N, C-alpha and C. Protein backbone atom coordinates (compact mmCIF):
# COMPACT_ATOMS: atom_id res chain seq x y z
N UNK A 1 -21.60 -19.50 -6.35
CA UNK A 1 -21.11 -18.82 -7.53
C UNK A 1 -19.58 -18.74 -7.47
N UNK A 2 -18.94 -18.96 -8.59
CA UNK A 2 -17.48 -18.96 -8.68
C UNK A 2 -16.89 -17.66 -8.17
N UNK A 3 -17.49 -16.54 -8.54
CA UNK A 3 -17.03 -15.22 -8.14
C UNK A 3 -16.91 -15.12 -6.62
N UNK A 4 -17.97 -15.43 -5.91
CA UNK A 4 -17.99 -15.33 -4.45
C UNK A 4 -17.04 -16.33 -3.82
N UNK A 5 -17.00 -17.53 -4.36
CA UNK A 5 -16.12 -18.57 -3.82
C UNK A 5 -14.66 -18.15 -3.92
N UNK A 6 -14.24 -17.66 -5.07
CA UNK A 6 -12.85 -17.24 -5.24
C UNK A 6 -12.51 -16.09 -4.31
N UNK A 7 -13.39 -15.11 -4.24
CA UNK A 7 -13.12 -13.91 -3.45
C UNK A 7 -13.08 -14.20 -1.95
N UNK A 8 -13.70 -15.29 -1.51
CA UNK A 8 -13.76 -15.58 -0.07
C UNK A 8 -12.85 -16.74 0.35
N UNK A 9 -12.15 -17.35 -0.58
CA UNK A 9 -11.32 -18.51 -0.25
C UNK A 9 -9.83 -18.17 -0.31
N UNK A 10 -9.16 -18.11 0.85
CA UNK A 10 -7.72 -17.85 0.85
C UNK A 10 -6.94 -18.89 0.04
N UNK A 11 -7.38 -20.15 0.07
CA UNK A 11 -6.69 -21.20 -0.68
C UNK A 11 -6.79 -20.96 -2.19
N UNK A 12 -7.99 -20.64 -2.67
CA UNK A 12 -8.15 -20.36 -4.11
C UNK A 12 -7.37 -19.11 -4.50
N UNK A 13 -7.37 -18.11 -3.66
CA UNK A 13 -6.62 -16.89 -3.98
C UNK A 13 -5.13 -17.17 -4.00
N UNK A 14 -4.67 -18.02 -3.10
CA UNK A 14 -3.26 -18.40 -3.09
C UNK A 14 -2.88 -19.14 -4.39
N UNK A 15 -3.75 -20.05 -4.82
CA UNK A 15 -3.48 -20.77 -6.06
C UNK A 15 -3.51 -19.83 -7.27
N UNK A 16 -4.45 -18.90 -7.28
CA UNK A 16 -4.51 -17.91 -8.36
C UNK A 16 -3.26 -17.04 -8.37
N UNK A 17 -2.79 -16.66 -7.19
CA UNK A 17 -1.57 -15.86 -7.08
C UNK A 17 -0.37 -16.64 -7.63
N UNK A 18 -0.32 -17.94 -7.36
CA UNK A 18 0.76 -18.78 -7.90
C UNK A 18 0.69 -18.82 -9.43
N UNK A 19 -0.51 -18.90 -9.97
CA UNK A 19 -0.68 -18.88 -11.43
C UNK A 19 -0.22 -17.54 -12.00
N UNK A 20 -0.58 -16.46 -11.32
CA UNK A 20 -0.12 -15.14 -11.74
C UNK A 20 1.40 -15.07 -11.73
N UNK A 21 2.01 -15.57 -10.68
CA UNK A 21 3.47 -15.55 -10.59
C UNK A 21 4.10 -16.32 -11.74
N UNK A 22 3.49 -17.43 -12.12
CA UNK A 22 4.00 -18.24 -13.23
C UNK A 22 3.96 -17.43 -14.54
N UNK A 23 2.84 -16.74 -14.77
CA UNK A 23 2.71 -15.93 -15.98
C UNK A 23 3.67 -14.74 -15.95
N UNK A 24 3.79 -14.10 -14.79
CA UNK A 24 4.73 -12.98 -14.68
C UNK A 24 6.15 -13.43 -15.00
N UNK A 25 6.52 -14.62 -14.54
CA UNK A 25 7.85 -15.15 -14.83
C UNK A 25 8.04 -15.30 -16.35
N UNK A 26 7.00 -15.76 -17.03
CA UNK A 26 7.06 -15.89 -18.49
C UNK A 26 7.32 -14.53 -19.14
N UNK A 27 6.74 -13.47 -18.58
CA UNK A 27 6.93 -12.12 -19.13
C UNK A 27 8.20 -11.44 -18.61
N UNK A 28 8.94 -12.12 -17.74
CA UNK A 28 10.18 -11.54 -17.21
C UNK A 28 9.93 -10.61 -16.04
N UNK A 29 8.85 -10.84 -15.33
CA UNK A 29 8.48 -10.00 -14.19
C UNK A 29 8.34 -10.88 -12.95
N UNK A 30 8.33 -10.25 -11.78
CA UNK A 30 8.13 -11.00 -10.55
C UNK A 30 7.25 -10.22 -9.60
N UNK A 31 6.45 -10.96 -8.85
CA UNK A 31 5.54 -10.40 -7.86
C UNK A 31 6.25 -10.40 -6.51
N UNK A 32 6.31 -9.24 -5.90
CA UNK A 32 6.96 -9.10 -4.60
C UNK A 32 5.89 -8.78 -3.56
N UNK A 33 5.87 -9.56 -2.49
CA UNK A 33 4.95 -9.32 -1.38
C UNK A 33 5.72 -8.54 -0.32
N UNK A 34 5.49 -7.22 -0.28
CA UNK A 34 6.24 -6.37 0.63
C UNK A 34 5.71 -6.44 2.06
N UNK A 35 4.63 -7.19 2.30
CA UNK A 35 4.12 -7.31 3.66
C UNK A 35 5.07 -8.12 4.54
N UNK A 36 5.99 -8.84 3.90
CA UNK A 36 6.97 -9.60 4.67
C UNK A 36 8.14 -8.74 5.11
N UNK A 37 8.19 -7.51 4.63
CA UNK A 37 9.22 -6.57 5.03
C UNK A 37 8.81 -5.95 6.37
N UNK A 38 9.51 -6.24 7.42
CA UNK A 38 9.12 -5.80 8.76
C UNK A 38 9.47 -4.34 9.03
N UNK A 39 10.05 -3.65 8.06
CA UNK A 39 10.38 -2.25 8.23
C UNK A 39 9.27 -1.36 7.68
N UNK A 40 8.04 -1.77 7.89
CA UNK A 40 6.91 -1.02 7.35
C UNK A 40 6.80 0.34 8.02
N UNK A 41 6.51 1.32 7.21
CA UNK A 41 6.29 2.66 7.72
C UNK A 41 4.83 3.00 7.52
N UNK A 42 4.39 4.11 8.10
CA UNK A 42 3.00 4.51 7.92
C UNK A 42 2.70 4.74 6.45
N UNK A 43 3.64 5.33 5.71
CA UNK A 43 3.44 5.56 4.28
C UNK A 43 3.33 4.24 3.54
N UNK A 44 4.18 3.29 3.87
CA UNK A 44 4.14 1.98 3.23
C UNK A 44 2.84 1.27 3.53
N UNK A 45 2.30 1.44 4.74
CA UNK A 45 1.06 0.79 5.11
C UNK A 45 -0.09 1.23 4.22
N UNK A 46 -0.03 2.45 3.70
CA UNK A 46 -1.09 2.96 2.82
C UNK A 46 -0.93 2.44 1.40
N UNK A 47 0.26 2.01 1.04
CA UNK A 47 0.52 1.50 -0.30
C UNK A 47 0.09 0.05 -0.41
N UNK A 48 0.00 -0.42 -1.64
CA UNK A 48 -0.30 -1.83 -1.88
C UNK A 48 0.83 -2.67 -1.31
N UNK A 49 0.46 -3.83 -0.82
CA UNK A 49 1.51 -4.70 -0.29
C UNK A 49 2.22 -5.47 -1.39
N UNK A 50 1.74 -5.36 -2.63
CA UNK A 50 2.36 -6.07 -3.74
C UNK A 50 3.02 -5.10 -4.71
N UNK A 51 4.12 -5.55 -5.25
CA UNK A 51 4.81 -4.84 -6.33
C UNK A 51 5.16 -5.86 -7.40
N UNK A 52 5.17 -5.41 -8.63
CA UNK A 52 5.67 -6.23 -9.72
C UNK A 52 6.85 -5.49 -10.30
N UNK A 53 7.94 -6.19 -10.45
CA UNK A 53 9.15 -5.56 -10.98
C UNK A 53 9.84 -6.51 -11.95
N UNK A 54 10.75 -5.97 -12.75
CA UNK A 54 11.49 -6.83 -13.68
C UNK A 54 12.26 -7.91 -12.93
N UNK A 55 12.21 -9.11 -13.45
CA UNK A 55 12.96 -10.24 -12.90
C UNK A 55 14.30 -10.33 -13.64
N UNK A 56 15.20 -11.15 -13.16
CA UNK A 56 16.49 -11.29 -13.83
C UNK A 56 16.39 -11.67 -15.31
N UNK A 57 15.32 -12.36 -15.70
CA UNK A 57 15.16 -12.79 -17.10
C UNK A 57 14.39 -11.77 -17.95
N UNK A 58 14.18 -10.55 -17.43
CA UNK A 58 13.34 -9.58 -18.13
C UNK A 58 13.85 -9.26 -19.54
N UNK A 59 15.11 -8.99 -19.67
CA UNK A 59 15.65 -8.61 -20.98
C UNK A 59 15.32 -9.64 -22.05
N UNK A 60 15.52 -10.90 -21.72
CA UNK A 60 15.24 -11.97 -22.68
C UNK A 60 13.74 -12.19 -22.86
N UNK A 61 13.02 -12.31 -21.74
CA UNK A 61 11.59 -12.62 -21.81
C UNK A 61 10.79 -11.50 -22.46
N UNK A 62 11.16 -10.26 -22.22
CA UNK A 62 10.38 -9.14 -22.75
C UNK A 62 10.47 -9.05 -24.27
N UNK A 63 11.46 -9.66 -24.87
CA UNK A 63 11.56 -9.65 -26.33
C UNK A 63 10.36 -10.36 -26.96
N UNK A 64 9.72 -11.23 -26.19
CA UNK A 64 8.56 -11.97 -26.69
C UNK A 64 7.27 -11.15 -26.70
N UNK A 65 7.20 -10.07 -25.93
CA UNK A 65 5.93 -9.35 -25.83
C UNK A 65 6.04 -7.83 -25.88
N UNK A 66 7.21 -7.25 -25.70
CA UNK A 66 7.34 -5.79 -25.78
C UNK A 66 7.55 -5.43 -27.25
N UNK A 67 6.44 -5.49 -27.98
CA UNK A 67 6.39 -5.18 -29.41
C UNK A 67 5.07 -4.47 -29.68
N UNK A 68 4.95 -3.89 -30.84
CA UNK A 68 3.73 -3.14 -31.17
C UNK A 68 2.48 -4.01 -31.14
N UNK A 69 2.56 -5.18 -31.74
CA UNK A 69 1.39 -6.06 -31.80
C UNK A 69 1.83 -7.47 -31.44
N UNK A 70 1.18 -8.04 -30.45
CA UNK A 70 1.56 -9.38 -30.00
C UNK A 70 0.35 -10.03 -29.34
N UNK A 71 0.18 -11.33 -29.56
CA UNK A 71 -0.96 -12.03 -28.96
C UNK A 71 -0.91 -12.00 -27.43
N UNK A 72 0.26 -11.81 -26.86
CA UNK A 72 0.37 -11.74 -25.40
C UNK A 72 -0.32 -10.51 -24.83
N UNK A 73 -0.51 -9.47 -25.62
CA UNK A 73 -1.16 -8.26 -25.11
C UNK A 73 -2.59 -8.55 -24.68
N UNK A 74 -3.32 -9.31 -25.48
CA UNK A 74 -4.68 -9.69 -25.12
C UNK A 74 -4.65 -10.58 -23.88
N UNK A 75 -3.72 -11.48 -23.83
CA UNK A 75 -3.58 -12.36 -22.66
C UNK A 75 -3.33 -11.53 -21.39
N UNK A 76 -2.49 -10.53 -21.49
CA UNK A 76 -2.20 -9.66 -20.35
C UNK A 76 -3.46 -8.93 -19.91
N UNK A 77 -4.26 -8.43 -20.87
CA UNK A 77 -5.52 -7.78 -20.54
C UNK A 77 -6.41 -8.73 -19.74
N UNK A 78 -6.50 -9.96 -20.18
CA UNK A 78 -7.33 -10.95 -19.50
C UNK A 78 -6.81 -11.29 -18.12
N UNK A 79 -5.50 -11.33 -17.97
CA UNK A 79 -4.91 -11.62 -16.65
C UNK A 79 -5.27 -10.51 -15.67
N UNK A 80 -5.09 -9.27 -16.09
CA UNK A 80 -5.40 -8.13 -15.20
C UNK A 80 -6.87 -8.19 -14.78
N UNK A 81 -7.73 -8.34 -15.75
CA UNK A 81 -9.18 -8.35 -15.46
C UNK A 81 -9.56 -9.56 -14.59
N UNK A 82 -9.05 -10.72 -14.90
CA UNK A 82 -9.37 -11.91 -14.12
C UNK A 82 -8.91 -11.76 -12.67
N UNK A 83 -7.73 -11.24 -12.49
CA UNK A 83 -7.25 -11.02 -11.12
C UNK A 83 -8.18 -10.09 -10.35
N UNK A 84 -8.61 -9.04 -11.00
CA UNK A 84 -9.54 -8.11 -10.35
C UNK A 84 -10.87 -8.78 -10.02
N UNK A 85 -11.43 -9.49 -10.97
CA UNK A 85 -12.73 -10.14 -10.77
C UNK A 85 -12.64 -11.17 -9.64
N UNK A 86 -11.54 -11.91 -9.57
CA UNK A 86 -11.43 -13.02 -8.63
C UNK A 86 -10.80 -12.64 -7.29
N UNK A 87 -10.58 -11.33 -7.07
CA UNK A 87 -10.18 -10.88 -5.74
C UNK A 87 -8.73 -10.49 -5.56
N UNK A 88 -7.94 -10.49 -6.61
CA UNK A 88 -6.53 -10.08 -6.49
C UNK A 88 -6.34 -8.67 -7.06
N UNK A 89 -7.13 -7.73 -6.53
CA UNK A 89 -7.08 -6.37 -7.04
C UNK A 89 -5.71 -5.72 -6.87
N UNK A 90 -5.08 -5.92 -5.71
CA UNK A 90 -3.77 -5.31 -5.47
C UNK A 90 -2.72 -5.87 -6.42
N UNK A 91 -2.77 -7.15 -6.65
CA UNK A 91 -1.81 -7.77 -7.56
C UNK A 91 -2.04 -7.28 -8.98
N UNK A 92 -3.31 -7.14 -9.39
CA UNK A 92 -3.63 -6.63 -10.72
C UNK A 92 -3.12 -5.20 -10.88
N UNK A 93 -3.31 -4.39 -9.85
CA UNK A 93 -2.85 -2.99 -9.89
C UNK A 93 -1.32 -2.94 -9.98
N UNK A 94 -0.65 -3.81 -9.26
CA UNK A 94 0.81 -3.85 -9.30
C UNK A 94 1.31 -4.28 -10.68
N UNK A 95 0.65 -5.25 -11.28
CA UNK A 95 1.00 -5.71 -12.62
C UNK A 95 0.80 -4.56 -13.62
N UNK A 96 -0.33 -3.90 -13.53
CA UNK A 96 -0.61 -2.79 -14.44
C UNK A 96 0.45 -1.69 -14.28
N UNK A 97 0.80 -1.35 -13.07
CA UNK A 97 1.80 -0.29 -12.85
C UNK A 97 3.15 -0.71 -13.46
N UNK A 98 3.52 -1.98 -13.32
CA UNK A 98 4.76 -2.46 -13.92
C UNK A 98 4.70 -2.36 -15.44
N UNK A 99 3.55 -2.68 -16.02
CA UNK A 99 3.38 -2.56 -17.47
C UNK A 99 3.53 -1.10 -17.91
N UNK A 100 2.95 -0.19 -17.12
CA UNK A 100 3.04 1.23 -17.48
C UNK A 100 4.49 1.72 -17.39
N UNK A 101 5.25 1.15 -16.47
CA UNK A 101 6.67 1.49 -16.38
C UNK A 101 7.40 1.03 -17.64
N UNK A 102 7.07 -0.17 -18.12
CA UNK A 102 7.66 -0.67 -19.36
C UNK A 102 7.27 0.24 -20.52
N UNK A 103 6.02 0.63 -20.57
CA UNK A 103 5.54 1.53 -21.64
C UNK A 103 6.31 2.85 -21.61
N UNK A 104 6.52 3.40 -20.42
CA UNK A 104 7.26 4.68 -20.30
C UNK A 104 8.72 4.51 -20.72
N UNK A 105 9.32 3.41 -20.33
CA UNK A 105 10.74 3.19 -20.64
C UNK A 105 10.98 2.81 -22.09
N UNK A 106 10.04 2.14 -22.69
CA UNK A 106 10.18 1.68 -24.08
C UNK A 106 9.18 2.41 -24.97
N UNK A 107 9.17 3.70 -24.86
CA UNK A 107 8.21 4.55 -25.57
C UNK A 107 8.04 4.11 -27.02
N UNK A 108 6.79 3.86 -27.39
CA UNK A 108 6.47 3.47 -28.76
C UNK A 108 6.56 1.99 -29.05
N UNK A 109 7.09 1.21 -28.11
CA UNK A 109 7.24 -0.22 -28.37
C UNK A 109 5.92 -0.98 -28.26
N UNK A 110 4.98 -0.44 -27.48
CA UNK A 110 3.68 -1.06 -27.29
C UNK A 110 2.63 -0.05 -27.76
N UNK A 111 1.67 -0.51 -28.54
CA UNK A 111 0.69 0.40 -29.14
C UNK A 111 -0.18 1.07 -28.09
N UNK A 112 -0.64 2.26 -28.41
CA UNK A 112 -1.54 2.99 -27.52
C UNK A 112 -2.87 2.27 -27.35
N UNK A 113 -3.31 1.55 -28.37
CA UNK A 113 -4.54 0.78 -28.24
C UNK A 113 -4.38 -0.32 -27.19
N UNK A 114 -3.24 -0.97 -27.18
CA UNK A 114 -2.96 -1.98 -26.16
C UNK A 114 -2.97 -1.35 -24.78
N UNK A 115 -2.31 -0.20 -24.65
CA UNK A 115 -2.26 0.50 -23.37
C UNK A 115 -3.67 0.87 -22.91
N UNK A 116 -4.51 1.30 -23.85
CA UNK A 116 -5.90 1.63 -23.53
C UNK A 116 -6.62 0.41 -22.96
N UNK A 117 -6.46 -0.75 -23.58
CA UNK A 117 -7.12 -1.96 -23.09
C UNK A 117 -6.59 -2.35 -21.72
N UNK A 118 -5.27 -2.25 -21.51
CA UNK A 118 -4.72 -2.57 -20.19
C UNK A 118 -5.27 -1.64 -19.13
N UNK A 119 -5.35 -0.34 -19.46
CA UNK A 119 -5.88 0.64 -18.51
C UNK A 119 -7.34 0.34 -18.18
N UNK A 120 -8.11 0.03 -19.19
CA UNK A 120 -9.52 -0.30 -18.96
C UNK A 120 -9.64 -1.55 -18.08
N UNK A 121 -8.83 -2.56 -18.35
CA UNK A 121 -8.89 -3.79 -17.55
C UNK A 121 -8.52 -3.51 -16.09
N UNK A 122 -7.62 -2.57 -15.87
CA UNK A 122 -7.12 -2.28 -14.53
C UNK A 122 -7.98 -1.29 -13.76
N UNK A 123 -8.65 -0.38 -14.45
CA UNK A 123 -9.27 0.74 -13.75
C UNK A 123 -10.78 0.87 -13.87
N UNK A 124 -11.36 0.30 -14.89
CA UNK A 124 -12.81 0.47 -15.10
C UNK A 124 -13.63 -0.34 -14.11
N UNK A 125 -14.90 0.06 -13.95
CA UNK A 125 -15.80 -0.83 -13.21
C UNK A 125 -15.80 -2.21 -13.89
N UNK A 126 -15.87 -3.24 -13.11
CA UNK A 126 -15.73 -4.59 -13.65
C UNK A 126 -16.84 -5.00 -14.61
N UNK A 127 -18.01 -4.39 -14.50
CA UNK A 127 -19.09 -4.76 -15.42
C UNK A 127 -18.85 -4.26 -16.83
N UNK A 128 -17.86 -3.38 -17.02
CA UNK A 128 -17.51 -2.91 -18.36
C UNK A 128 -16.30 -3.68 -18.86
N UNK A 129 -16.47 -4.44 -19.90
CA UNK A 129 -15.36 -5.18 -20.49
C UNK A 129 -14.38 -4.20 -21.14
N UNK A 130 -13.10 -4.53 -21.17
CA UNK A 130 -12.11 -3.62 -21.74
C UNK A 130 -12.37 -3.23 -23.19
N UNK A 131 -13.03 -4.11 -23.95
CA UNK A 131 -13.26 -3.81 -25.36
C UNK A 131 -14.50 -2.94 -25.60
N UNK A 132 -15.32 -2.73 -24.58
CA UNK A 132 -16.51 -1.90 -24.73
C UNK A 132 -16.16 -0.42 -24.56
N UNK A 133 -16.67 0.39 -25.49
CA UNK A 133 -16.40 1.82 -25.41
C UNK A 133 -17.30 2.53 -24.41
N UNK A 134 -18.47 1.97 -24.14
CA UNK A 134 -19.38 2.56 -23.16
C UNK A 134 -20.29 1.48 -22.61
N UNK A 135 -20.96 1.82 -21.51
CA UNK A 135 -21.88 0.88 -20.89
C UNK A 135 -23.15 0.82 -21.70
N UNK A 136 -23.36 -0.32 -22.34
CA UNK A 136 -24.57 -0.50 -23.14
C UNK A 136 -25.53 -1.46 -22.45
N UNK A 137 -25.33 -1.64 -21.13
CA UNK A 137 -26.23 -2.48 -20.37
C UNK A 137 -26.08 -3.96 -20.61
N UNK A 138 -24.94 -4.36 -21.20
CA UNK A 138 -24.74 -5.78 -21.49
C UNK A 138 -23.82 -6.46 -20.48
N UNK A 139 -23.42 -5.70 -19.46
CA UNK A 139 -22.51 -6.28 -18.47
C UNK A 139 -23.15 -7.36 -17.65
N UNK A 140 -22.35 -8.10 -16.96
CA UNK A 140 -22.85 -9.16 -16.09
C UNK A 140 -23.54 -8.54 -14.88
N UNK A 141 -24.77 -8.98 -14.63
CA UNK A 141 -25.57 -8.41 -13.54
C UNK A 141 -24.84 -8.52 -12.20
N UNK A 142 -24.19 -9.66 -11.95
CA UNK A 142 -23.50 -9.85 -10.67
C UNK A 142 -22.32 -8.89 -10.52
N UNK A 143 -21.73 -8.45 -11.64
CA UNK A 143 -20.66 -7.46 -11.55
C UNK A 143 -21.23 -6.07 -11.30
N UNK A 144 -22.39 -5.78 -11.84
CA UNK A 144 -23.07 -4.52 -11.50
C UNK A 144 -23.32 -4.47 -9.99
N UNK A 145 -23.88 -5.55 -9.45
CA UNK A 145 -24.20 -5.59 -8.02
C UNK A 145 -22.93 -5.46 -7.18
N UNK A 146 -21.86 -6.11 -7.59
CA UNK A 146 -20.59 -6.02 -6.86
C UNK A 146 -20.09 -4.59 -6.82
N UNK A 147 -20.08 -3.92 -7.97
CA UNK A 147 -19.60 -2.53 -8.03
C UNK A 147 -20.48 -1.61 -7.19
N UNK A 148 -21.79 -1.84 -7.20
CA UNK A 148 -22.70 -1.04 -6.36
C UNK A 148 -22.36 -1.24 -4.89
N UNK A 149 -22.07 -2.47 -4.49
CA UNK A 149 -21.70 -2.77 -3.11
C UNK A 149 -20.41 -2.07 -2.71
N UNK A 150 -19.43 -2.00 -3.61
CA UNK A 150 -18.18 -1.30 -3.33
C UNK A 150 -18.43 0.19 -3.10
N UNK A 151 -19.31 0.76 -3.92
CA UNK A 151 -19.61 2.19 -3.78
C UNK A 151 -20.29 2.49 -2.46
N UNK A 152 -21.00 1.51 -1.92
CA UNK A 152 -21.70 1.71 -0.64
C UNK A 152 -20.83 1.34 0.54
N UNK A 153 -19.57 1.01 0.26
CA UNK A 153 -18.63 0.77 1.34
C UNK A 153 -18.38 -0.68 1.72
N UNK A 154 -18.81 -1.60 0.92
CA UNK A 154 -18.55 -3.01 1.23
C UNK A 154 -18.45 -3.82 -0.02
N UNK A 155 -18.11 -5.09 0.15
CA UNK A 155 -18.09 -6.02 -0.96
C UNK A 155 -19.22 -6.98 -0.79
N UNK A 156 -19.62 -7.58 -1.88
CA UNK A 156 -20.70 -8.56 -1.84
C UNK A 156 -20.19 -9.89 -1.39
């Protein structure tokens, strides 16, 4: 199954991370791997090893998507969710946090409905799609099983 293969293959995860970096660059953001910083502290060890922050091209690139309604918003939702499904949870969380920083700094520039979808993509159980208001039992069975496994202390 694609899900299991992606989640267990360092090579596939590396390629997915490169694709994420390419998209982040388009949005004027960059993925930072802080695990290469040898000045790690106990507090840092508890934090995600990834951060997403504005890149030098942010001012220009953000003009393409930091608006009330933009087709890139749906694409961003899909990127967050795909990263989570395919094993890049920390990177997805870092991307979401960077987006929330943009939302806070540019109050009103991005619709609350968009923010709701991004939050759902980043935080909900994976069997619930961001556009679903509640669990109506239509989720993917393998995602139900994965979430159950996480609750029991492991991954599938």
